[in-house]
């Protein structure tokens, strides 16, 4: 994976030359050997936490990615560094969060914001093509259904889906690992091969990163 630096429990993305080095959400910018490194806080980004905990995914500089639940763009901004020659389709339902995301998009020409409900992928299928990666971070009870609907529609064969599962949003009475097992079983029954599961404690309590493949 290009434009990513992992040093034990610290992780940075390298700012591409064409992007400015202004902080996006208060993160530190470090200059080292002619490079501009952005600190990626694992307590503020579940993807950062997963990468520190050993996640390996095929993110190339020209990959195309659909991001469901983009919020204000914290994780999106770091993906923009990594996929600097690719495209990120960032779906967010909140107008308030979208306002902040649009400010980021003005500085990053590889992010395409979509104000819509990820539960209805048919409403933005005219905008989003087949992508290499579908990434989801949505805290709803039907988060798995939303993920599968979007993967079915947008994930190309050979691509990967990444879902950040918030167990308490699915069933507050069950143990997190039981929820993860249910999710894996559900994904398998719906045609997706579970490739990796990483529990995100201590960075994100009761969350797991699940990576699936589509053949």
C-alpha atoms as a PDB file:
ATOM      1  CA  UNK A   1       0.000   0.000   0.000  1.00  0.00           C
ATOM      2  CA  UNK A   2       1.500   3.306  -1.084  1.00  0.00           C
ATOM      3  CA  UNK A   3       1.505   6.566   0.876  1.00  0.00           C
ATOM      4  CA  UNK A   4       1.144   4.768   4.197  1.00  0.00           C
ATOM      5  CA  UNK A   5       3.708   4.607   7.002  1.00  0.00           C
ATOM      6  CA  UNK A   6       3.178   2.310  10.000  1.00  0.00           C
ATOM      7  CA  UNK A   7       5.564   2.554  12.942  1.00  0.00           C
ATOM      8  CA  UNK A   8       4.506   0.187  15.742  1.00  0.00           C
ATOM      9  CA  UNK A   9       1.365   1.829  17.149  1.00  0.00           C
ATOM     10  CA  UNK A  10       1.667   4.986  15.066  1.00  0.00           C
ATOM     11  CA  UNK A  11       0.357   5.397  11.554  1.00  0.00           C
ATOM     12  CA  UNK A  12       0.690   8.176   8.984  1.00  0.00           C
ATOM     13  CA  UNK A  13      -0.446   8.886   5.456  1.00  0.00           C
ATOM     14  CA  UNK A  14       1.810  10.762   3.048  1.00  0.00           C
ATOM     15  CA  UNK A  15       0.284  13.886   1.532  1.00  0.00           C
ATOM     16  CA  UNK A  16       0.561  13.795  -2.290  1.00  0.00           C
ATOM     17  CA  UNK A  17       2.314  16.760  -3.880  1.00  0.00           C
ATOM     18  CA  UNK A  18      -0.818  18.231  -5.448  1.00  0.00           C
ATOM     19  CA  UNK A  19      -2.677  18.488  -2.111  1.00  0.00           C
ATOM     20  CA  UNK A  20      -2.078  21.232   0.457  1.00  0.00           C
ATOM     21  CA  UNK A  21      -0.701  20.365   3.888  1.00  0.00           C
ATOM     22  CA  UNK A  22      -3.375  22.092   5.933  1.00  0.00           C
ATOM     23  CA  UNK A  23      -4.700  19.961   8.791  1.00  0.00           C
ATOM     24  CA  UNK A  24      -8.136  18.450   8.101  1.00  0.00           C
ATOM     25  CA  UNK A  25      -9.398  17.686  11.606  1.00  0.00           C
ATOM     26  CA  UNK A  26      -6.617  18.909  13.903  1.00  0.00           C
ATOM     27  CA  UNK A  27      -4.131  16.122  13.156  1.00  0.00           C
ATOM     28  CA  UNK A  28      -0.403  16.841  13.305  1.00  0.00           C
ATOM     29  CA  UNK A  29       1.550  17.317  10.075  1.00  0.00           C
ATOM     30  CA  UNK A  30       5.142  16.092  10.264  1.00  0.00           C
ATOM     31  CA  UNK A  31       7.864  16.843   7.725  1.00  0.00           C
ATOM     32  CA  UNK A  32      10.429  14.100   7.282  1.00  0.00           C
ATOM     33  CA  UNK A  33      12.922  13.547   4.468  1.00  0.00           C
ATOM     34  CA  UNK A  34      11.025  15.747   2.043  1.00  0.00           C
ATOM     35  CA  UNK A  35       7.710  14.041   2.824  1.00  0.00           C
ATOM     36  CA  UNK A  36       4.661  15.495   4.541  1.00  0.00           C
ATOM     37  CA  UNK A  37       3.147  12.976   6.938  1.00  0.00           C
ATOM     38  CA  UNK A  38      -0.348  13.252   8.421  1.00  0.00           C
ATOM     39  CA  UNK A  39      -0.859  11.571  11.788  1.00  0.00           C
ATOM     40  CA  UNK A  40      -3.787   9.127  11.580  1.00  0.00           C
ATOM     41  CA  UNK A  41      -5.389   8.713  15.000  1.00  0.00           C
ATOM     42  CA  UNK A  42      -6.670   5.137  15.579  1.00  0.00           C
ATOM     43  CA  UNK A  43      -9.063   6.401  18.247  1.00  0.00           C
ATOM     44  CA  UNK A  44     -10.765   8.619  15.658  1.00  0.00           C
ATOM     45  CA  UNK A  45     -10.667   6.262  12.677  1.00  0.00           C
ATOM     46  CA  UNK A  46     -11.592   2.582  12.773  1.00  0.00           C
ATOM     47  CA  UNK A  47      -9.649   1.943   9.572  1.00  0.00           C
ATOM     48  CA  UNK A  48      -6.528   3.372  11.186  1.00  0.00           C
ATOM     49  CA  UNK A  49      -7.116   1.088  14.181  1.00  0.00           C
ATOM     50  CA  UNK A  50      -7.566  -1.946  11.929  1.00  0.00           C
ATOM     51  CA  UNK A  51      -4.355  -1.197  10.024  1.00  0.00           C
ATOM     52  CA  UNK A  52      -2.383  -0.858  13.259  1.00  0.00           C
ATOM     53  CA  UNK A  53      -3.864  -4.177  14.405  1.00  0.00           C
ATOM     54  CA  UNK A  54      -2.646  -5.933  11.263  1.00  0.00           C
ATOM     55  CA  UNK A  55      -5.209  -5.387   8.507  1.00  0.00           C
ATOM     56  CA  UNK A  56      -3.803  -5.980   5.010  1.00  0.00           C
ATOM     57  CA  UNK A  57      -5.916  -4.738   2.107  1.00  0.00           C
ATOM     58  CA  UNK A  58      -5.250  -4.073  -1.549  1.00  0.00           C
ATOM     59  CA  UNK A  59      -5.456  -0.281  -1.668  1.00  0.00           C
ATOM     60  CA  UNK A  60      -3.643   1.028  -4.730  1.00  0.00           C
ATOM     61  CA  UNK A  61      -3.094   4.639  -5.693  1.00  0.00           C
ATOM     62  CA  UNK A  62      -5.592   4.293  -8.567  1.00  0.00           C
ATOM     63  CA  UNK A  63      -8.237   2.224  -6.735  1.00  0.00           C
ATOM     64  CA  UNK A  64     -11.878   3.284  -6.800  1.00  0.00           C
ATOM     65  CA  UNK A  65     -13.730   3.080  -3.493  1.00  0.00           C
ATOM     66  CA  UNK A  66     -17.305   3.549  -2.305  1.00  0.00           C
ATOM     67  CA  UNK A  67     -17.411   4.899   1.249  1.00  0.00           C
ATOM     68  CA  UNK A  68     -20.723   4.476   3.095  1.00  0.00           C
ATOM     69  CA  UNK A  69     -21.102   6.670   6.169  1.00  0.00           C
ATOM     70  CA  UNK A  70     -18.455   9.248   5.300  1.00  0.00           C
ATOM     71  CA  UNK A  71     -19.431  11.644   8.136  1.00  0.00           C
ATOM     72  CA  UNK A  72     -17.233  14.769   8.116  1.00  0.00           C
ATOM     73  CA  UNK A  73     -14.406  13.062   6.235  1.00  0.00           C
ATOM     74  CA  UNK A  74     -11.787  12.105   8.830  1.00  0.00           C
ATOM     75  CA  UNK A  75     -11.075   8.645   7.388  1.00  0.00           C
ATOM     76  CA  UNK A  76     -12.007   9.756   3.875  1.00  0.00           C
ATOM     77  CA  UNK A  77      -9.233  12.356   3.961  1.00  0.00           C
ATOM     78  CA  UNK A  78      -6.577   9.723   4.700  1.00  0.00           C
ATOM     79  CA  UNK A  79      -7.942   7.435   2.004  1.00  0.00           C
ATOM     80  CA  UNK A  80      -7.648  10.424  -0.325  1.00  0.00           C
ATOM     81  CA  UNK A  81      -3.911  10.481   0.412  1.00  0.00           C
ATOM     82  CA  UNK A  82      -3.565   6.761  -0.340  1.00  0.00           C
ATOM     83  CA  UNK A  83      -5.875   6.630  -3.384  1.00  0.00           C
ATOM     84  CA  UNK A  84      -4.518   9.879  -4.787  1.00  0.00           C
ATOM     85  CA  UNK A  85      -4.903   8.799  -8.423  1.00  0.00           C
ATOM     86  CA  UNK A  86      -8.192   6.983  -7.816  1.00  0.00           C
ATOM     87  CA  UNK A  87     -11.701   8.005  -6.835  1.00  0.00           C
ATOM     88  CA  UNK A  88     -13.625   7.951  -3.562  1.00  0.00           C
ATOM     89  CA  UNK A  89     -17.420   8.102  -3.715  1.00  0.00           C
ATOM     90  CA  UNK A  90     -18.392   9.338  -0.251  1.00  0.00           C
ATOM     91  CA  UNK A  91     -22.015   8.778   0.811  1.00  0.00           C
ATOM     92  CA  UNK A  92     -23.354  10.632   3.855  1.00  0.00           C
ATOM     93  CA  UNK A  93     -26.945  11.170   4.972  1.00  0.00           C
ATOM     94  CA  UNK A  94     -26.438  14.082   7.384  1.00  0.00           C
ATOM     95  CA  UNK A  95     -26.542  17.573   5.794  1.00  0.00           C
ATOM     96  CA  UNK A  96     -24.497  18.939   8.709  1.00  0.00           C
ATOM     97  CA  UNK A  97     -21.716  16.379   8.227  1.00  0.00           C
ATOM     98  CA  UNK A  98     -21.911  16.867   4.466  1.00  0.00           C
ATOM     99  CA  UNK A  99     -21.195  20.572   4.903  1.00  0.00           C
ATOM    100  CA  UNK A 100     -17.819  19.720   6.476  1.00  0.00           C
ATOM    101  CA  UNK A 101     -17.189  17.010   3.899  1.00  0.00           C
ATOM    102  CA  UNK A 102     -17.773  19.482   1.070  1.00  0.00           C
ATOM    103  CA  UNK A 103     -15.081  21.742   2.524  1.00  0.00           C
ATOM    104  CA  UNK A 104     -12.677  18.806   2.246  1.00  0.00           C
ATOM    105  CA  UNK A 105     -13.808  18.062  -1.318  1.00  0.00           C
ATOM    106  CA  UNK A 106     -12.894  21.598  -2.346  1.00  0.00           C
ATOM    107  CA  UNK A 107      -9.293  20.724  -1.470  1.00  0.00           C
ATOM    108  CA  UNK A 108      -9.308  17.109  -2.671  1.00  0.00           C
ATOM    109  CA  UNK A 109     -10.269  16.447  -6.285  1.00  0.00           C
ATOM    110  CA  UNK A 110     -10.484  12.659  -5.867  1.00  0.00           C
ATOM    111  CA  UNK A 111     -13.450  12.755  -3.442  1.00  0.00           C
ATOM    112  CA  UNK A 112     -16.974  12.773  -4.868  1.00  0.00           C
ATOM    113  CA  UNK A 113     -19.582  13.607  -2.190  1.00  0.00           C
ATOM    114  CA  UNK A 114     -23.082  12.099  -2.300  1.00  0.00           C
ATOM    115  CA  UNK A 115     -25.762  13.373   0.092  1.00  0.00           C
ATOM    116  CA  UNK A 116     -28.075  10.376   0.338  1.00  0.00           C
ATOM    117  CA  UNK A 117     -29.141   7.364   2.365  1.00  0.00           C
ATOM    118  CA  UNK A 118     -26.807   4.377   1.932  1.00  0.00           C
ATOM    119  CA  UNK A 119     -29.833   2.158   2.531  1.00  0.00           C
ATOM    120  CA  UNK A 120     -31.027   3.103  -0.964  1.00  0.00           C
ATOM    121  CA  UNK A 121     -28.133   2.453  -3.377  1.00  0.00           C
ATOM    122  CA  UNK A 122     -30.504   2.638  -6.338  1.00  0.00           C
ATOM    123  CA  UNK A 123     -30.723   6.391  -5.741  1.00  0.00           C
ATOM    124  CA  UNK A 124     -27.046   6.961  -6.532  1.00  0.00           C
ATOM    125  CA  UNK A 125     -26.342   4.105  -8.949  1.00  0.00           C
ATOM    126  CA  UNK A 126     -26.228   6.642 -11.796  1.00  0.00           C
ATOM    127  CA  UNK A 127     -23.224   8.265 -10.090  1.00  0.00           C
ATOM    128  CA  UNK A 128     -21.235   5.341  -8.702  1.00  0.00           C
ATOM    129  CA  UNK A 129     -19.624   2.786 -11.068  1.00  0.00           C
ATOM    130  CA  UNK A 130     -18.333  -0.655 -10.175  1.00  0.00           C
ATOM    131  CA  UNK A 131     -15.608  -0.155  -7.567  1.00  0.00           C
ATOM    132  CA  UNK A 132     -12.619  -2.058  -6.215  1.00  0.00           C
ATOM    133  CA  UNK A 133     -13.605  -1.568  -2.575  1.00  0.00           C
ATOM    134  CA  UNK A 134     -16.834  -0.963  -0.677  1.00  0.00           C
ATOM    135  CA  UNK A 135     -16.127   0.442   2.790  1.00  0.00           C
ATOM    136  CA  UNK A 136     -18.847   0.944   5.384  1.00  0.00           C
ATOM    137  CA  UNK A 137     -18.939   2.561   8.821  1.00  0.00           C
ATOM    138  CA  UNK A 138     -22.628   2.925   9.699  1.00  0.00           C
ATOM    139  CA  UNK A 139     -24.094   2.446  13.178  1.00  0.00           C
ATOM    140  CA  UNK A 140     -27.533   1.123  12.316  1.00  0.00           C
ATOM    141  CA  UNK A 141     -29.288  -2.087  13.292  1.00  0.00           C
ATOM    142  CA  UNK A 142     -29.529  -3.133   9.632  1.00  0.00           C
ATOM    143  CA  UNK A 143     -25.903  -2.247   8.865  1.00  0.00           C
ATOM    144  CA  UNK A 144     -25.215  -5.683   7.332  1.00  0.00           C
ATOM    145  CA  UNK A 145     -28.195  -5.411   4.979  1.00  0.00           C
ATOM    146  CA  UNK A 146     -27.022  -1.967   3.860  1.00  0.00           C
ATOM    147  CA  UNK A 147     -23.519  -3.308   3.253  1.00  0.00           C
ATOM    148  CA  UNK A 148     -24.683  -6.314   1.221  1.00  0.00           C
ATOM    149  CA  UNK A 149     -27.073  -4.252  -0.910  1.00  0.00           C
ATOM    150  CA  UNK A 150     -24.253  -1.903  -1.863  1.00  0.00           C
ATOM    151  CA  UNK A 151     -21.725  -4.682  -2.447  1.00  0.00           C
ATOM    152  CA  UNK A 152     -24.228  -6.535  -4.641  1.00  0.00           C
ATOM    153  CA  UNK A 153     -24.706  -3.432  -6.752  1.00  0.00           C
ATOM    154  CA  UNK A 154     -21.273  -1.803  -6.836  1.00  0.00           C
ATOM    155  CA  UNK A 155     -18.471  -4.226  -5.881  1.00  0.00           C
ATOM    156  CA  UNK A 156     -16.714  -5.629  -8.919  1.00  0.00           C
ATOM    157  CA  UNK A 157     -15.634  -9.267  -9.080  1.00  0.00           C
ATOM    158  CA  UNK A 158     -12.317  -9.710  -7.326  1.00  0.00           C
ATOM    159  CA  UNK A 159     -12.979  -6.662  -5.166  1.00  0.00           C
ATOM    160  CA  UNK A 160     -13.111  -6.425  -1.383  1.00  0.00           C
ATOM    161  CA  UNK A 161     -15.756  -5.206   1.014  1.00  0.00           C
ATOM    162  CA  UNK A 162     -14.860  -3.800   4.431  1.00  0.00           C
ATOM    163  CA  UNK A 163     -17.505  -3.345   7.110  1.00  0.00           C
ATOM    164  CA  UNK A 164     -16.884  -1.853  10.539  1.00  0.00           C
ATOM    165  CA  UNK A 165     -19.399  -3.741  12.661  1.00  0.00           C
ATOM    166  CA  UNK A 166     -20.768  -1.960  15.722  1.00  0.00           C
ATOM    167  CA  UNK A 167     -22.118  -4.885  17.719  1.00  0.00           C
ATOM    168  CA  UNK A 168     -24.161  -2.808  20.173  1.00  0.00           C
ATOM    169  CA  UNK A 169     -26.131  -1.259  17.334  1.00  0.00           C
ATOM    170  CA  UNK A 170     -27.203  -4.715  16.145  1.00  0.00           C
ATOM    171  CA  UNK A 171     -28.070  -6.279  19.518  1.00  0.00           C
ATOM    172  CA  UNK A 172     -27.205  -4.611  22.821  1.00  0.00           C
ATOM    173  CA  UNK A 173     -28.071  -7.761  24.797  1.00  0.00           C
ATOM    174  CA  UNK A 174     -25.666 -10.136  23.018  1.00  0.00           C
ATOM    175  CA  UNK A 175     -21.922 -10.447  23.477  1.00  0.00           C
ATOM    176  CA  UNK A 176     -19.905  -8.714  20.718  1.00  0.00           C
ATOM    177  CA  UNK A 177     -18.235 -11.932  19.530  1.00  0.00           C
ATOM    178  CA  UNK A 178     -21.623 -13.596  19.149  1.00  0.00           C
ATOM    179  CA  UNK A 179     -22.698 -10.670  16.966  1.00  0.00           C
ATOM    180  CA  UNK A 180     -19.541 -10.986  14.854  1.00  0.00           C
ATOM    181  CA  UNK A 181     -20.236 -14.702  14.336  1.00  0.00           C
ATOM    182  CA  UNK A 182     -23.790 -13.914  13.262  1.00  0.00           C
ATOM    183  CA  UNK A 183     -22.553 -11.289  10.822  1.00  0.00           C
ATOM    184  CA  UNK A 184     -19.977 -13.666   9.319  1.00  0.00           C
ATOM    185  CA  UNK A 185     -22.616 -16.377   8.910  1.00  0.00           C
ATOM    186  CA  UNK A 186     -25.015 -13.907   7.293  1.00  0.00           C
ATOM    187  CA  UNK A 187     -22.364 -12.639   4.876  1.00  0.00           C
ATOM    188  CA  UNK A 188     -21.389 -16.189   3.917  1.00  0.00           C
ATOM    189  CA  UNK A 189     -24.997 -17.169   3.245  1.00  0.00           C
ATOM    190  CA  UNK A 190     -25.354 -14.137   0.988  1.00  0.00           C
ATOM    191  CA  UNK A 191     -22.431 -15.078  -1.237  1.00  0.00           C
ATOM    192  CA  UNK A 192     -19.482 -13.319   0.375  1.00  0.00           C
ATOM    193  CA  UNK A 193     -16.289 -14.994   1.526  1.00  0.00           C
ATOM    194  CA  UNK A 194     -15.095 -13.691   4.896  1.00  0.00           C
ATOM    195  CA  UNK A 195     -11.348 -13.153   4.541  1.00  0.00           C
ATOM    196  CA  UNK A 196     -10.415 -11.390   7.768  1.00  0.00           C
ATOM    197  CA  UNK A 197     -11.912 -10.390  11.124  1.00  0.00           C
ATOM    198  CA  UNK A 198     -10.145  -7.948  13.439  1.00  0.00           C
ATOM    199  CA  UNK A 199     -11.580  -6.862  16.770  1.00  0.00           C
ATOM    200  CA  UNK A 200     -10.813  -3.172  17.239  1.00  0.00           C
ATOM    201  CA  UNK A 201     -10.395  -3.005  21.024  1.00  0.00           C
ATOM    202  CA  UNK A 202      -8.941  -0.945  22.669  1.00  0.00           C
ATOM    203  CA  UNK A 203      -9.369   1.701  19.952  1.00  0.00           C
ATOM    204  CA  UNK A 204     -13.082   1.147  19.286  1.00  0.00           C
ATOM    205  CA  UNK A 205     -14.886  -0.849  21.965  1.00  0.00           C
ATOM    206  CA  UNK A 206     -17.300  -3.553  20.773  1.00  0.00           C
ATOM    207  CA  UNK A 207     -16.370  -3.018  17.116  1.00  0.00           C
ATOM    208  CA  UNK A 208     -14.832  -5.380  14.567  1.00  0.00           C
ATOM    209  CA  UNK A 209     -13.485  -4.935  11.064  1.00  0.00           C
ATOM    210  CA  UNK A 210     -14.697  -7.671   8.719  1.00  0.00           C
ATOM    211  CA  UNK A 211     -13.225  -8.005   5.228  1.00  0.00           C
ATOM    212  CA  UNK A 212     -15.058  -9.981   2.558  1.00  0.00           C
ATOM    213  CA  UNK A 213     -14.270 -11.008  -0.979  1.00  0.00           C
ATOM    214  CA  UNK A 214     -16.475 -11.378  -4.021  1.00  0.00           C
ATOM    215  CA  UNK A 215     -15.529 -13.933  -6.636  1.00  0.00           C
END
